[in-house]
Amino acid sequence: MDKINRYKEIIRGVFEAYALRKPINLPGVHHQLIMDEKRNHFILIAMGWQGEVQIHDWVFHLEIKGRKILVHEDTTDAAISRILQERGIPEADIVQAYVSEYEREIPHPSSTQ
């Protein structure tokens, strides 16, 4: 299996597992998985109702581009990048796309020790 298809399979598995989780504090909310595998976009949203308030929030948005996984959105404490690394995707292939390129070039304190 080539690298891109393996990444798609890993992302799909992680998102499908996460989509099954039911937010305890939001019983009227469920997760909806949106995958455009042709264009390599993977989105998980939380939607439903909390009382009279509609919930429609992005949980994750990933894109595979240029043999890298771009993390456009991660609104969780789960840290999708860490989860992907645990599933075998190298840290070098995961880009925090919501962080400016300038900030991505600044060495992280833990990498300078």
Protein backbone atom coordinates (compact mmCIF):
# COMPACT_ATOMS: atom_id res chain seq x y z
CA MET A 1 0.00 0.00 0.00
CA ASP A 2 1.43 3.39 -0.88
CA LYS A 3 2.01 6.10 1.68
CA ILE A 4 -0.99 8.30 0.81
CA ASN A 5 -3.47 5.40 0.88
CA ARG A 6 -2.02 4.23 4.20
CA TYR A 7 -2.44 7.75 5.61
CA LYS A 8 -6.04 7.87 4.36
CA GLU A 9 -6.75 4.54 6.02
CA ILE A 10 -5.25 5.69 9.32
CA ILE A 11 -7.15 8.98 9.29
CA ARG A 12 -10.41 7.22 8.40
CA GLY A 13 -9.95 4.78 11.30
CA VAL A 14 -9.14 7.50 13.82
CA PHE A 15 -12.06 9.67 12.72
CA GLU A 16 -14.53 6.77 12.67
CA ALA A 17 -13.51 5.77 16.21
CA TYR A 18 -13.74 9.37 17.41
CA ALA A 19 -17.14 9.82 15.72
CA LEU A 20 -18.56 7.01 17.86
CA ARG A 21 -17.76 8.90 21.05
CA LYS A 22 -20.74 10.56 22.67
CA PRO A 23 -19.96 13.82 24.50
CA ILE A 24 -21.11 13.20 28.09
CA ASN A 25 -21.71 16.89 28.75
CA LEU A 26 -23.61 17.34 25.46
CA PRO A 27 -26.15 14.49 25.18
CA GLY A 28 -27.91 16.13 22.22
CA VAL A 29 -24.73 16.33 20.14
CA HIS A 30 -23.31 13.71 17.80
CA HIS A 31 -20.33 13.62 15.46
CA GLN A 32 -20.57 13.71 11.68
CA LEU A 33 -17.71 12.50 9.51
CA ILE A 34 -17.15 14.17 6.15
CA MET A 35 -14.50 12.64 3.89
CA ASP A 36 -13.56 13.72 0.41
CA GLU A 37 -10.95 11.10 -0.37
CA LYS A 38 -10.64 12.26 -3.98
CA ARG A 39 -9.45 15.69 -2.83
CA ASN A 40 -7.90 14.35 0.41
CA HIS A 41 -9.96 16.32 2.94
CA PHE A 42 -11.17 14.75 6.18
CA ILE A 43 -13.49 16.64 8.52
CA LEU A 44 -15.19 15.68 11.75
CA ILE A 45 -17.86 18.00 13.10
CA ALA A 46 -19.94 18.01 16.26
CA MET A 47 -23.57 18.84 15.61
CA GLY A 48 -26.85 18.79 17.44
CA TRP A 49 -28.50 20.78 20.19
CA GLN A 50 -27.65 21.83 23.70
CA GLY A 51 -30.99 23.03 24.99
CA GLU A 52 -32.10 25.69 22.54
CA VAL A 53 -28.61 26.33 21.19
CA GLN A 54 -27.54 24.66 17.97
CA ILE A 55 -24.08 23.12 18.05
CA HIS A 56 -22.22 22.93 14.75
CA ASP A 57 -18.49 22.95 15.42
CA TRP A 58 -15.46 21.60 13.64
CA VAL A 59 -13.60 19.02 15.69
CA PHE A 60 -10.89 18.07 13.18
CA HIS A 61 -10.02 19.08 9.64
CA LEU A 62 -7.11 17.30 7.98
CA GLU A 63 -5.84 17.45 4.43
CA ILE A 64 -3.27 15.29 2.70
CA LYS A 65 -1.21 17.50 0.44
CA GLY A 66 2.20 16.89 -1.05
CA ARG A 67 2.65 13.64 0.91
CA LYS A 68 2.11 15.47 4.20
CA ILE A 69 -0.88 15.65 6.51
CA LEU A 70 -1.95 19.23 7.16
CA VAL A 71 -3.83 19.76 10.41
CA HIS A 72 -6.12 22.71 9.67
CA GLU A 73 -8.26 22.33 12.78
CA ASP A 74 -8.04 20.46 16.07
CA THR A 75 -10.36 21.72 18.81
CA THR A 76 -9.72 18.86 21.21
CA ASP A 77 -7.39 17.98 24.03
CA ALA A 78 -6.85 14.67 22.23
CA ALA A 79 -4.13 16.19 20.00
CA ILE A 80 -4.83 14.59 16.64
CA SER A 81 -1.13 14.91 15.73
CA ARG A 82 -0.13 12.74 18.69
CA ILE A 83 -2.82 10.18 17.84
CA LEU A 84 -1.60 9.98 14.23
CA GLN A 85 1.98 9.50 15.42
CA GLU A 86 0.84 6.69 17.72
CA ARG A 87 -0.68 5.04 14.63
CA GLY A 88 2.66 5.15 12.81
CA ILE A 89 2.70 8.45 10.93
CA PRO A 90 6.06 10.20 11.34
CA GLU A 91 6.00 13.57 13.08
CA ALA A 92 7.84 15.03 10.06
CA ASP A 93 4.82 14.22 7.87
CA ILE A 94 2.36 16.12 10.07
CA VAL A 95 2.13 19.89 9.60
CA GLN A 96 0.26 22.17 12.00
CA ALA A 97 -1.26 24.21 9.17
CA TYR A 98 -3.12 26.52 11.57
CA VAL A 99 0.26 27.79 12.78
CA SER A 100 1.96 30.36 10.56
CA GLU A 101 4.98 29.19 8.59
CA TYR A 102 7.15 31.62 10.56
CA GLU A 103 6.11 30.09 13.89
CA ARG A 104 6.61 26.55 12.57
CA GLU A 105 10.25 27.43 11.81
CA ILE A 106 10.96 28.44 15.43
CA PRO A 107 12.54 25.47 17.22
CA HIS A 108 10.35 24.00 19.93
CA PRO A 109 12.04 24.19 23.38
CA SER A 110 11.97 20.40 23.77
CA SER A 111 13.82 19.91 20.46
CA THR A 112 16.77 22.09 21.53
CA GLN A 113 17.72 20.06 24.59
